[in-house]
Amino acid sequence: MFSLAIRNAPRASRSALSPLAAVQARTYSGGSNMHGNDPDVIEKEVHRNKTKHGEKHESAPHDHAPGWNELLASVSEANVKADKAEGTPAELQKSTVDFLKARDKEAANNSK
């Protein structure tokens, strides 16, 4: 009987620790953002915001967030903005696509 208890002891200890094995280590990334810490993107978007200050400018595709520049926001700020948006997902998607196409077209015209 005693030998049975000794043989089962490692099995019992493994099963007691198995929930801990599923836990993954978390690392602190220093924050998450929409620009991916790309200094060129940050500089370009900050310049865009400064040159269009006081106007409803090309950084804001939706009426509920004038002056919004998603590339300068954190992921959590972008999520809060998205939660406050009014309209159907299809309407918001269409306005965003239209905004991006217009901005790309304007950028192409300015580079010529």
PDB file of N, CA and C in Angstrom:
ATOM      1  N   MET A   1       0.822  -1.190   0.000  1.00  0.00           N
ATOM      2  CA  MET A   1       0.000   0.000   0.000  1.00  0.00           C
ATOM      3  C   MET A   1       0.869   1.257   0.000  1.00  0.00           C
ATOM      4  N   PHE A   2       1.926   1.233   0.836  1.00  0.00           N
ATOM      5  CA  PHE A   2       2.803   2.383   0.926  1.00  0.00           C
ATOM      6  C   PHE A   2       3.514   2.643  -0.399  1.00  0.00           C
ATOM      7  N   SER A   3       3.914   1.613  -1.101  1.00  0.00           N
ATOM      8  CA  SER A   3       4.599   1.771  -2.381  1.00  0.00           C
ATOM      9  C   SER A   3       3.677   2.370  -3.440  1.00  0.00           C
ATOM     10  N   LEU A   4       2.395   2.090  -3.364  1.00  0.00           N
ATOM     11  CA  LEU A   4       1.424   2.673  -4.291  1.00  0.00           C
ATOM     12  C   LEU A   4       1.327   4.182  -4.093  1.00  0.00           C
ATOM     13  N   ALA A   5       1.362   4.613  -2.864  1.00  0.00           N
ATOM     14  CA  ALA A   5       1.302   6.043  -2.558  1.00  0.00           C
ATOM     15  C   ALA A   5       2.543   6.758  -3.065  1.00  0.00           C
ATOM     16  N   ILE A   6       3.697   6.120  -2.960  1.00  0.00           N
ATOM     17  CA  ILE A   6       4.942   6.736  -3.418  1.00  0.00           C
ATOM     18  C   ILE A   6       4.953   6.843  -4.940  1.00  0.00           C
ATOM     19  N   ARG A   7       4.492   5.813  -5.630  1.00  0.00           N
ATOM     20  CA  ARG A   7       4.463   5.869  -7.095  1.00  0.00           C
ATOM     21  C   ARG A   7       3.475   6.911  -7.608  1.00  0.00           C
ATOM     22  N   ASN A   8       2.403   7.157  -6.920  1.00  0.00           N
ATOM     23  CA  ASN A   8       1.392   8.117  -7.361  1.00  0.00           C
ATOM     24  C   ASN A   8       1.704   9.551  -6.938  1.00  0.00           C
ATOM     25  N   ALA A   9       2.655   9.759  -6.071  1.00  0.00           N
ATOM     26  CA  ALA A   9       2.977  11.102  -5.586  1.00  0.00           C
ATOM     27  C   ALA A   9       3.415  12.038  -6.719  1.00  0.00           C
ATOM     28  N   PRO A  10       4.334  11.620  -7.613  1.00  0.00           N
ATOM     29  CA  PRO A  10       4.712  12.533  -8.710  1.00  0.00           C
ATOM     30  C   PRO A  10       3.532  12.872  -9.619  1.00  0.00           C
ATOM     31  N   ARG A  11       2.670  11.916  -9.871  1.00  0.00           N
ATOM     32  CA  ARG A  11       1.500  12.162 -10.709  1.00  0.00           C
ATOM     33  C   ARG A  11       0.575  13.187 -10.043  1.00  0.00           C
ATOM     34  N   ALA A  12       0.404  13.070  -8.743  1.00  0.00           N
ATOM     35  CA  ALA A  12      -0.459  13.999  -8.014  1.00  0.00           C
ATOM     36  C   ALA A  12       0.130  15.405  -8.033  1.00  0.00           C
ATOM     37  N   SER A  13       1.438  15.514  -7.859  1.00  0.00           N
ATOM     38  CA  SER A  13       2.044  16.844  -7.849  1.00  0.00           C
ATOM     39  C   SER A  13       1.999  17.481  -9.237  1.00  0.00           C
ATOM     40  N   ARG A  14       2.147  16.672 -10.294  1.00  0.00           N
ATOM     41  CA  ARG A  14       2.041  17.218 -11.649  1.00  0.00           C
ATOM     42  C   ARG A  14       0.650  17.753 -11.923  1.00  0.00           C
ATOM     43  N   SER A  15      -0.369  17.018 -11.506  1.00  0.00           N
ATOM     44  CA  SER A  15      -1.734  17.475 -11.768  1.00  0.00           C
ATOM     45  C   SER A  15      -2.069  18.708 -10.949  1.00  0.00           C
ATOM     46  N   ALA A  16      -1.452  18.859  -9.792  1.00  0.00           N
ATOM     47  CA  ALA A  16      -1.699  20.046  -8.978  1.00  0.00           C
ATOM     48  C   ALA A  16      -1.084  21.281  -9.623  1.00  0.00           C
ATOM     49  N   LEU A  17      -0.006  21.108 -10.359  1.00  0.00           N
ATOM     50  CA  LEU A  17       0.675  22.238 -10.990  1.00  0.00           C
ATOM     51  C   LEU A  17       0.240  22.481 -12.429  1.00  0.00           C
ATOM     52  N   SER A  18      -0.538  21.596 -12.993  1.00  0.00           N
ATOM     53  CA  SER A  18      -0.893  21.737 -14.401  1.00  0.00           C
ATOM     54  C   SER A  18      -1.634  23.030 -14.730  1.00  0.00           C
ATOM     55  N   PRO A  19      -2.513  23.574 -13.863  1.00  0.00           N
ATOM     56  CA  PRO A  19      -3.120  24.866 -14.212  1.00  0.00           C
ATOM     57  C   PRO A  19      -2.086  25.977 -14.357  1.00  0.00           C
ATOM     58  N   LEU A  20      -1.012  25.898 -13.588  1.00  0.00           N
ATOM     59  CA  LEU A  20       0.026  26.923 -13.682  1.00  0.00           C
ATOM     60  C   LEU A  20       0.811  26.826 -14.984  1.00  0.00           C
ATOM     61  N   ALA A  21       0.895  25.637 -15.527  1.00  0.00           N
ATOM     62  CA  ALA A  21       1.632  25.456 -16.777  1.00  0.00           C
ATOM     63  C   ALA A  21       0.944  26.162 -17.934  1.00  0.00           C
ATOM     64  N   ALA A  22      -0.361  26.365 -17.826  1.00  0.00           N
ATOM     65  CA  ALA A  22      -1.104  27.015 -18.898  1.00  0.00           C
ATOM     66  C   ALA A  22      -0.943  28.530 -18.877  1.00  0.00           C
ATOM     67  N   VAL A  23      -0.476  29.077 -17.768  1.00  0.00           N
ATOM     68  CA  VAL A  23      -0.311  30.523 -17.650  1.00  0.00           C
ATOM     69  C   VAL A  23       0.930  30.940 -18.423  1.00  0.00           C
ATOM     70  N   GLN A  24       0.768  31.904 -19.294  1.00  0.00           N
ATOM     71  CA  GLN A  24       1.904  32.391 -20.069  1.00  0.00           C
ATOM     72  C   GLN A  24       2.489  33.616 -19.393  1.00  0.00           C
ATOM     73  N   ALA A  25       3.770  33.785 -19.522  1.00  0.00           N
ATOM     74  CA  ALA A  25       4.424  34.953 -18.955  1.00  0.00           C
ATOM     75  C   ALA A  25       4.011  36.188 -19.734  1.00  0.00           C
ATOM     76  N   ARG A  26       3.708  37.245 -19.016  1.00  0.00           N
ATOM     77  CA  ARG A  26       3.342  38.510 -19.658  1.00  0.00           C
ATOM     78  C   ARG A  26       4.524  39.457 -19.588  1.00  0.00           C
ATOM     79  N   THR A  27       4.763  40.128 -20.673  1.00  0.00           N
ATOM     80  CA  THR A  27       5.839  41.104 -20.696  1.00  0.00           C
ATOM     81  C   THR A  27       5.254  42.472 -20.967  1.00  0.00           C
ATOM     82  N   TYR A  28       5.870  43.483 -20.421  1.00  0.00           N
ATOM     83  CA  TYR A  28       5.418  44.849 -20.630  1.00  0.00           C
ATOM     84  C   TYR A  28       6.084  45.390 -21.881  1.00  0.00           C
ATOM     85  N   SER A  29       5.268  45.808 -22.830  1.00  0.00           N
ATOM     86  CA  SER A  29       5.807  46.263 -24.110  1.00  0.00           C
ATOM     87  C   SER A  29       6.052  47.761 -24.148  1.00  0.00           C
ATOM     88  N   GLY A  30       5.671  48.464 -23.093  1.00  0.00           N
ATOM     89  CA  GLY A  30       5.855  49.905 -23.100  1.00  0.00           C
ATOM     90  C   GLY A  30       4.698  50.631 -23.745  1.00  0.00           C
ATOM     91  N   GLY A  31       3.625  49.956 -24.030  1.00  0.00           N
ATOM     92  CA  GLY A  31       2.452  50.579 -24.624  1.00  0.00           C
ATOM     93  C   GLY A  31       2.280  50.171 -26.066  1.00  0.00           C
ATOM     94  N   SER A  32       1.061  50.233 -26.503  1.00  0.00           N
ATOM     95  CA  SER A  32       0.785  49.906 -27.896  1.00  0.00           C
ATOM     96  C   SER A  32       0.177  51.126 -28.562  1.00  0.00           C
ATOM     97  N   ASN A  33       0.518  51.309 -29.803  1.00  0.00           N
ATOM     98  CA  ASN A  33       0.058  52.488 -30.514  1.00  0.00           C
ATOM     99  C   ASN A  33      -0.211  52.129 -31.960  1.00  0.00           C
ATOM    100  N   MET A  34      -0.796  53.079 -32.659  1.00  0.00           N
ATOM    101  CA  MET A  34      -1.195  52.828 -34.035  1.00  0.00           C
ATOM    102  C   MET A  34      -0.060  53.080 -35.028  1.00  0.00           C
ATOM    103  N   HIS A  35       0.992  53.771 -34.608  1.00  0.00           N
ATOM    104  CA  HIS A  35       2.070  54.117 -35.542  1.00  0.00           C
ATOM    105  C   HIS A  35       3.236  53.144 -35.494  1.00  0.00           C
ATOM    106  N   GLY A  36       3.218  52.187 -34.583  1.00  0.00           N
ATOM    107  CA  GLY A  36       4.272  51.183 -34.534  1.00  0.00           C
ATOM    108  C   GLY A  36       5.640  51.742 -34.186  1.00  0.00           C
ATOM    109  N   ASN A  37       5.680  52.895 -33.505  1.00  0.00           N
ATOM    110  CA  ASN A  37       6.927  53.552 -33.113  1.00  0.00           C
ATOM    111  C   ASN A  37       7.819  53.888 -34.299  1.00  0.00           C
ATOM    112  N   ASP A  38       7.226  54.140 -35.443  1.00  0.00           N
ATOM    113  CA  ASP A  38       7.970  54.542 -36.635  1.00  0.00           C
ATOM    114  C   ASP A  38       8.185  56.055 -36.570  1.00  0.00           C
ATOM    115  N   PRO A  39       9.421  56.525 -36.384  1.00  0.00           N
ATOM    116  CA  PRO A  39       9.655  57.958 -36.232  1.00  0.00           C
ATOM    117  C   PRO A  39       9.241  58.776 -37.455  1.00  0.00           C
ATOM    118  N   ASP A  40       9.338  58.202 -38.641  1.00  0.00           N
ATOM    119  CA  ASP A  40       8.928  58.931 -39.844  1.00  0.00           C
ATOM    120  C   ASP A  40       7.422  59.174 -39.851  1.00  0.00           C
ATOM    121  N   VAL A  41       6.658  58.169 -39.463  1.00  0.00           N
ATOM    122  CA  VAL A  41       5.199  58.313 -39.410  1.00  0.00           C
ATOM    123  C   VAL A  41       4.820  59.335 -38.353  1.00  0.00           C
ATOM    124  N   ILE A  42       5.443  59.257 -37.189  1.00  0.00           N
ATOM    125  CA  ILE A  42       5.129  60.194 -36.108  1.00  0.00           C
ATOM    126  C   ILE A  42       5.411  61.619 -36.547  1.00  0.00           C
ATOM    127  N   GLU A  43       6.586  61.842 -37.120  1.00  0.00           N
ATOM    128  CA  GLU A  43       6.964  63.192 -37.548  1.00  0.00           C
ATOM    129  C   GLU A  43       6.009  63.723 -38.615  1.00  0.00           C
ATOM    130  N   LYS A  44       5.684  62.888 -39.587  1.00  0.00           N
ATOM    131  CA  LYS A  44       4.785  63.301 -40.670  1.00  0.00           C
ATOM    132  C   LYS A  44       3.397  63.653 -40.134  1.00  0.00           C
ATOM    133  N   GLU A  45       2.869  62.838 -39.236  1.00  0.00           N
ATOM    134  CA  GLU A  45       1.525  63.066 -38.717  1.00  0.00           C
ATOM    135  C   GLU A  45       1.471  64.254 -37.762  1.00  0.00           C
ATOM    136  N   VAL A  46       2.509  64.452 -36.967  1.00  0.00           N
ATOM    137  CA  VAL A  46       2.561  65.632 -36.099  1.00  0.00           C
ATOM    138  C   VAL A  46       2.613  66.888 -36.957  1.00  0.00           C
ATOM    139  N   HIS A  47       3.416  66.863 -38.014  1.00  0.00           N
ATOM    140  CA  HIS A  47       3.494  68.006 -38.929  1.00  0.00           C
ATOM    141  C   HIS A  47       2.138  68.255 -39.592  1.00  0.00           C
ATOM    142  N   ARG A  48       1.460  67.189 -40.008  1.00  0.00           N
ATOM    143  CA  ARG A  48       0.143  67.324 -40.631  1.00  0.00           C
ATOM    144  C   ARG A  48      -0.841  67.978 -39.661  1.00  0.00           C
ATOM    145  N   ASN A  49      -0.815  67.569 -38.401  1.00  0.00           N
ATOM    146  CA  ASN A  49      -1.718  68.157 -37.414  1.00  0.00           C
ATOM    147  C   ASN A  49      -1.395  69.625 -37.173  1.00  0.00           C
ATOM    148  N   LYS A  50      -0.122  69.967 -37.110  1.00  0.00           N
ATOM    149  CA  LYS A  50       0.264  71.354 -36.838  1.00  0.00           C
ATOM    150  C   LYS A  50      -0.060  72.274 -38.003  1.00  0.00           C
ATOM    151  N   THR A  51       0.122  71.817 -39.226  1.00  0.00           N
ATOM    152  CA  THR A  51      -0.119  72.690 -40.374  1.00  0.00           C
ATOM    153  C   THR A  51      -1.601  72.886 -40.648  1.00  0.00           C
ATOM    154  N   LYS A  52      -2.432  71.982 -40.177  1.00  0.00           N
ATOM    155  CA  LYS A  52      -3.873  72.094 -40.395  1.00  0.00           C
ATOM    156  C   LYS A  52      -4.597  72.494 -39.110  1.00  0.00           C
ATOM    157  N   HIS A  53      -3.893  73.075 -38.163  1.00  0.00           N
ATOM    158  CA  HIS A  53      -4.464  73.414 -36.860  1.00  0.00           C
ATOM    159  C   HIS A  53      -5.667  74.345 -37.006  1.00  0.00           C
ATOM    160  N   GLY A  54      -6.716  74.027 -36.282  1.00  0.00           N
ATOM    161  CA  GLY A  54      -7.901  74.875 -36.281  1.00  0.00           C
ATOM    162  C   GLY A  54      -8.893  74.556 -37.374  1.00  0.00           C
ATOM    163  N   GLU A  55      -8.572  73.672 -38.273  1.00  0.00           N
ATOM    164  CA  GLU A  55      -9.479  73.304 -39.355  1.00  0.00           C
ATOM    165  C   GLU A  55      -9.923  71.862 -39.166  1.00  0.00           C
ATOM    166  N   LYS A  56     -11.036  71.534 -39.790  1.00  0.00           N
ATOM    167  CA  LYS A  56     -11.381  70.116 -39.872  1.00  0.00           C
ATOM    168  C   LYS A  56     -10.514  69.588 -41.007  1.00  0.00           C
ATOM    169  N   HIS A  57      -9.495  68.859 -40.667  1.00  0.00           N
ATOM    170  CA  HIS A  57      -8.490  68.508 -41.670  1.00  0.00           C
ATOM    171  C   HIS A  57      -8.512  67.037 -42.024  1.00  0.00           C
ATOM    172  N   GLU A  58      -7.581  66.666 -42.858  1.00  0.00           N
ATOM    173  CA  GLU A  58      -7.595  65.331 -43.453  1.00  0.00           C
ATOM    174  C   GLU A  58      -7.255  64.207 -42.482  1.00  0.00           C
ATOM    175  N   SER A  59      -6.963  64.527 -41.239  1.00  0.00           N
ATOM    176  CA  SER A  59      -6.672  63.461 -40.292  1.00  0.00           C
ATOM    177  C   SER A  59      -7.927  62.840 -39.701  1.00  0.00           C
ATOM    178  N   ALA A  60      -9.085  63.447 -39.916  1.00  0.00           N
ATOM    179  CA  ALA A  60     -10.310  62.988 -39.254  1.00  0.00           C
ATOM    180  C   ALA A  60     -11.358  62.535 -40.262  1.00  0.00           C
ATOM    181  N   PRO A  61     -11.541  61.230 -40.428  1.00  0.00           N
ATOM    182  CA  PRO A  61     -12.526  60.755 -41.398  1.00  0.00           C
ATOM    183  C   PRO A  61     -13.965  60.774 -40.899  1.00  0.00           C
ATOM    184  N   HIS A  62     -14.181  60.929 -39.589  1.00  0.00           N
ATOM    185  CA  HIS A  62     -15.538  60.848 -39.051  1.00  0.00           C
ATOM    186  C   HIS A  62     -15.940  62.154 -38.369  1.00  0.00           C
ATOM    187  N   ASP A  63     -17.217  62.492 -38.468  1.00  0.00           N
ATOM    188  CA  ASP A  63     -17.726  63.742 -37.908  1.00  0.00           C
ATOM    189  C   ASP A  63     -17.655  63.789 -36.387  1.00  0.00           C
ATOM    190  N   HIS A  64     -17.751  62.656 -35.724  1.00  0.00           N
ATOM    191  CA  HIS A  64     -17.772  62.650 -34.262  1.00  0.00           C
ATOM    192  C   HIS A  64     -16.392  62.887 -33.642  1.00  0.00           C
ATOM    193  N   ALA A  65     -15.354  62.964 -34.452  1.00  0.00           N
ATOM    194  CA  ALA A  65     -14.004  63.150 -33.919  1.00  0.00           C
ATOM    195  C   ALA A  65     -13.204  64.104 -34.796  1.00  0.00           C
ATOM    196  N   PRO A  66     -13.584  65.392 -34.831  1.00  0.00           N
ATOM    197  CA  PRO A  66     -12.825  66.334 -35.660  1.00  0.00           C
ATOM    198  C   PRO A  66     -11.392  66.490 -35.136  1.00  0.00           C
ATOM    199  N   GLY A  67     -10.450  66.500 -36.044  1.00  0.00           N
ATOM    200  CA  GLY A  67      -9.054  66.641 -35.669  1.00  0.00           C
ATOM    201  C   GLY A  67      -8.397  65.353 -35.208  1.00  0.00           C
ATOM    202  N   TRP A  68      -9.124  64.264 -35.232  1.00  0.00           N
ATOM    203  CA  TRP A  68      -8.596  62.975 -34.788  1.00  0.00           C
ATOM    204  C   TRP A  68      -7.539  62.473 -35.757  1.00  0.00           C
ATOM    205  N   ASN A  69      -6.443  62.021 -35.226  1.00  0.00           N
ATOM    206  CA  ASN A  69      -5.395  61.421 -36.042  1.00  0.00           C
ATOM    207  C   ASN A  69      -5.059  60.064 -35.444  1.00  0.00           C
ATOM    208  N   GLU A  70      -5.583  59.025 -36.039  1.00  0.00           N
ATOM    209  CA  GLU A  70      -5.440  57.684 -35.485  1.00  0.00           C
ATOM    210  C   GLU A  70      -3.991  57.228 -35.436  1.00  0.00           C
ATOM    211  N   LEU A  71      -3.169  57.709 -36.342  1.00  0.00           N
ATOM    212  CA  LEU A  71      -1.772  57.281 -36.353  1.00  0.00           C
ATOM    213  C   LEU A  71      -0.986  57.806 -35.154  1.00  0.00           C
ATOM    214  N   LEU A  72      -1.504  58.831 -34.478  1.00  0.00           N
ATOM    215  CA  LEU A  72      -0.835  59.356 -33.290  1.00  0.00           C
ATOM    216  C   LEU A  72      -1.454  58.824 -32.002  1.00  0.00           C
ATOM    217  N   ALA A  73      -2.461  58.009 -32.104  1.00  0.00           N
ATOM    218  CA  ALA A  73      -3.193  57.525 -30.935  1.00  0.00           C
ATOM    219  C   ALA A  73      -2.657  56.190 -30.436  1.00  0.00           C
ATOM    220  N   SER A  74      -2.981  55.927 -29.180  1.00  0.00           N
ATOM    221  CA  SER A  74      -2.714  54.588 -28.654  1.00  0.00           C
ATOM    222  C   SER A  74      -3.849  53.674 -29.099  1.00  0.00           C
ATOM    223  N   VAL A  75      -3.638  52.397 -28.966  1.00  0.00           N
ATOM    224  CA  VAL A  75      -4.672  51.434 -29.344  1.00  0.00           C
ATOM    225  C   VAL A  75      -5.905  51.627 -28.473  1.00  0.00           C
ATOM    226  N   SER A  76      -5.716  51.893 -27.177  1.00  0.00           N
ATOM    227  CA  SER A  76      -6.873  52.077 -26.302  1.00  0.00           C
ATOM    228  C   SER A  76      -7.637  53.345 -26.661  1.00  0.00           C
ATOM    229  N   GLU A  77      -6.947  54.414 -27.052  1.00  0.00           N
ATOM    230  CA  GLU A  77      -7.640  55.627 -27.497  1.00  0.00           C
ATOM    231  C   GLU A  77      -8.444  55.359 -28.768  1.00  0.00           C
ATOM    232  N   ALA A  78      -7.877  54.602 -29.673  1.00  0.00           N
ATOM    233  CA  ALA A  78      -8.592  54.256 -30.904  1.00  0.00           C
ATOM    234  C   ALA A  78      -9.824  53.412 -30.599  1.00  0.00           C
ATOM    235  N   ASN A  79      -9.721  52.514 -29.633  1.00  0.00           N
ATOM    236  CA  ASN A  79     -10.873  51.697 -29.254  1.00  0.00           C
ATOM    237  C   ASN A  79     -11.982  52.538 -28.645  1.00  0.00           C
ATOM    238  N   VAL A  80     -11.628  53.505 -27.794  1.00  0.00           N
ATOM    239  CA  VAL A  80     -12.631  54.389 -27.194  1.00  0.00           C
ATOM    240  C   VAL A  80     -13.306  55.214 -28.277  1.00  0.00           C
ATOM    241  N   LYS A  81     -12.534  55.734 -29.217  1.00  0.00           N
ATOM    242  CA  LYS A  81     -13.111  56.512 -30.314  1.00  0.00           C
ATOM    243  C   LYS A  81     -14.067  55.652 -31.128  1.00  0.00           C
ATOM    244  N   ALA A  82     -13.681  54.441 -31.401  1.00  0.00           N
ATOM    245  CA  ALA A  82     -14.539  53.542 -32.175  1.00  0.00           C
ATOM    246  C   ALA A  82     -15.829  53.231 -31.429  1.00  0.00           C
ATOM    247  N   ASP A  83     -15.743  53.079 -30.112  1.00  0.00           N
ATOM    248  CA  ASP A  83     -16.943  52.799 -29.318  1.00  0.00           C
ATOM    249  C   ASP A  83     -17.923  53.962 -29.334  1.00  0.00           C
ATOM    250  N   LYS A  84     -17.420  55.185 -29.461  1.00  0.00           N
ATOM    251  CA  LYS A  84     -18.282  56.369 -29.447  1.00  0.00           C
ATOM    252  C   LYS A  84     -18.842  56.713 -30.822  1.00  0.00           C
ATOM    253  N   ALA A  85     -18.386  56.040 -31.842  1.00  0.00           N
ATOM    254  CA  ALA A  85     -18.833  56.330 -33.206  1.00  0.00           C
ATOM    255  C   ALA A  85     -20.304  55.971 -33.377  1.00  0.00           C
ATOM    256  N   GLU A  86     -20.998  56.814 -34.125  1.00  0.00           N
ATOM    257  CA  GLU A  86     -22.399  56.547 -34.440  1.00  0.00           C
ATOM    258  C   GLU A  86     -22.494  56.108 -35.890  1.00  0.00           C
ATOM    259  N   GLY A  87     -23.450  55.276 -36.164  1.00  0.00           N
ATOM    260  CA  GLY A  87     -23.634  54.758 -37.511  1.00  0.00           C
ATOM    261  C   GLY A  87     -23.383  53.267 -37.540  1.00  0.00           C
ATOM    262  N   THR A  88     -23.756  52.690 -38.637  1.00  0.00           N
ATOM    263  CA  THR A  88     -23.551  51.251 -38.785  1.00  0.00           C
ATOM    264  C   THR A  88     -22.093  50.983 -39.150  1.00  0.00           C
ATOM    265  N   PRO A  89     -21.621  49.792 -38.901  1.00  0.00           N
ATOM    266  CA  PRO A  89     -20.254  49.468 -39.308  1.00  0.00           C
ATOM    267  C   PRO A  89     -20.024  49.681 -40.809  1.00  0.00           C
ATOM    268  N   ALA A  90     -21.022  49.388 -41.625  1.00  0.00           N
ATOM    269  CA  ALA A  90     -20.879  49.577 -43.073  1.00  0.00           C
ATOM    270  C   ALA A  90     -20.715  51.059 -43.414  1.00  0.00           C
ATOM    271  N   GLU A  91     -21.476  51.931 -42.750  1.00  0.00           N
ATOM    272  CA  GLU A  91     -21.357  53.375 -43.002  1.00  0.00           C
ATOM    273  C   GLU A  91     -19.988  53.889 -42.573  1.00  0.00           C
ATOM    274  N   LEU A  92     -19.528  53.449 -41.407  1.00  0.00           N
ATOM    275  CA  LEU A  92     -18.222  53.881 -40.920  1.00  0.00           C
ATOM    276  C   LEU A  92     -17.102  53.371 -41.824  1.00  0.00           C
ATOM    277  N   GLN A  93     -17.245  52.152 -42.287  1.00  0.00           N
ATOM    278  CA  GLN A  93     -16.243  51.586 -43.192  1.00  0.00           C
ATOM    279  C   GLN A  93     -16.200  52.369 -44.497  1.00  0.00           C
ATOM    280  N   LYS A  94     -17.360  52.698 -45.040  1.00  0.00           N
ATOM    281  CA  LYS A  94     -17.419  53.444 -46.299  1.00  0.00           C
ATOM    282  C   LYS A  94     -16.791  54.826 -46.141  1.00  0.00           C
ATOM    283  N   SER A  95     -17.118  55.520 -45.039  1.00  0.00           N
ATOM    284  CA  SER A  95     -16.549  56.856 -44.856  1.00  0.00           C
ATOM    285  C   SER A  95     -15.035  56.793 -44.674  1.00  0.00           C
ATOM    286  N   THR A  96     -14.546  55.766 -44.015  1.00  0.00           N
ATOM    287  CA  THR A  96     -13.106  55.615 -43.839  1.00  0.00           C
ATOM    288  C   THR A  96     -12.416  55.311 -45.164  1.00  0.00           C
ATOM    289  N   VAL A  97     -12.995  54.430 -45.953  1.00  0.00           N
ATOM    290  CA  VAL A  97     -12.416  54.093 -47.264  1.00  0.00           C
ATOM    291  C   VAL A  97     -12.412  55.322 -48.164  1.00  0.00           C
ATOM    292  N   ASP A  98     -13.517  56.066 -48.191  1.00  0.00           N
ATOM    293  CA  ASP A  98     -13.584  57.289 -49.001  1.00  0.00           C
ATOM    294  C   ASP A  98     -12.525  58.294 -48.553  1.00  0.00           C
ATOM    295  N   PHE A  99     -12.368  58.443 -47.240  1.00  0.00           N
ATOM    296  CA  PHE A  99     -11.378  59.357 -46.680  1.00  0.00           C
ATOM    297  C   PHE A  99      -9.962  58.960 -47.103  1.00  0.00           C
ATOM    298  N   LEU A 100      -9.641  57.674 -46.979  1.00  0.00           N
ATOM    299  CA  LEU A 100      -8.294  57.208 -47.328  1.00  0.00           C
ATOM    300  C   LEU A 100      -8.009  57.342 -48.818  1.00  0.00           C
ATOM    301  N   LYS A 101      -9.001  57.070 -49.646  1.00  0.00           N
ATOM    302  CA  LYS A 101      -8.813  57.236 -51.094  1.00  0.00           C
ATOM    303  C   LYS A 101      -8.572  58.698 -51.440  1.00  0.00           C
ATOM    304  N   ALA A 102      -9.337  59.607 -50.830  1.00  0.00           N
ATOM    305  CA  ALA A 102      -9.166  61.036 -51.097  1.00  0.00           C
ATOM    306  C   ALA A 102      -7.798  61.508 -50.615  1.00  0.00           C
ATOM    307  N   ARG A 103      -7.366  61.027 -49.455  1.00  0.00           N
ATOM    308  CA  ARG A 103      -6.068  61.434 -48.918  1.00  0.00           C
ATOM    309  C   ARG A 103      -4.934  60.911 -49.791  1.00  0.00           C
ATOM    310  N   ASP A 104      -5.043  59.667 -50.266  1.00  0.00           N
ATOM    311  CA  ASP A 104      -4.013  59.112 -51.147  1.00  0.00           C
ATOM    312  C   ASP A 104      -3.967  59.858 -52.475  1.00  0.00           C
ATOM    313  N   LYS A 105      -5.136  60.211 -52.996  1.00  0.00           N
ATOM    314  CA  LYS A 105      -5.199  60.951 -54.255  1.00  0.00           C
ATOM    315  C   LYS A 105      -4.566  62.328 -54.091  1.00  0.00           C
ATOM    316  N   GLU A 106      -4.850  62.984 -52.957  1.00  0.00           N
ATOM    317  CA  GLU A 106      -4.271  64.300 -52.692  1.00  0.00           C
ATOM    318  C   GLU A 106      -2.760  64.201 -52.524  1.00  0.00           C
ATOM    319  N   ALA A 107      -2.286  63.174 -51.853  1.00  0.00           N
ATOM    320  CA  ALA A 107      -0.846  62.985 -51.665  1.00  0.00           C
ATOM    321  C   ALA A 107      -0.156  62.738 -53.000  1.00  0.00           C
ATOM    322  N   ALA A 108      -0.797  61.987 -53.880  1.00  0.00           N
ATOM    323  CA  ALA A 108      -0.225  61.723 -55.200  1.00  0.00           C
ATOM    324  C   ALA A 108      -0.155  63.005 -56.022  1.00  0.00           C
ATOM    325  N   ASN A 109      -1.179  63.849 -55.918  1.00  0.00           N
ATOM    326  CA  ASN A 109      -1.181  65.116 -56.651  1.00  0.00           C
ATOM    327  C   ASN A 109      -0.122  66.069 -56.116  1.00  0.00           C
ATOM    328  N   ASN A 110       0.106  66.065 -54.805  1.00  0.00           N
ATOM    329  CA  ASN A 110       1.101  66.952 -54.206  1.00  0.00           C
ATOM    330  C   ASN A 110       2.530  66.514 -54.515  1.00  0.00           C
ATOM    331  N   SER A 111       2.731  65.236 -54.776  1.00  0.00           N
ATOM    332  CA  SER A 111       4.087  64.749 -55.046  1.00  0.00           C
ATOM    333  C   SER A 111       4.518  64.972 -56.489  1.00  0.00           C
ATOM    334  N   LYS A 112       3.584  65.339 -57.358  1.00  0.00           N
ATOM    335  CA  LYS A 112       3.928  65.550 -58.779  1.00  0.00           C
ATOM    336  C   LYS A 112       4.517  66.905 -59.014  1.00  0.00           C
TER     337      LYS A 112
END
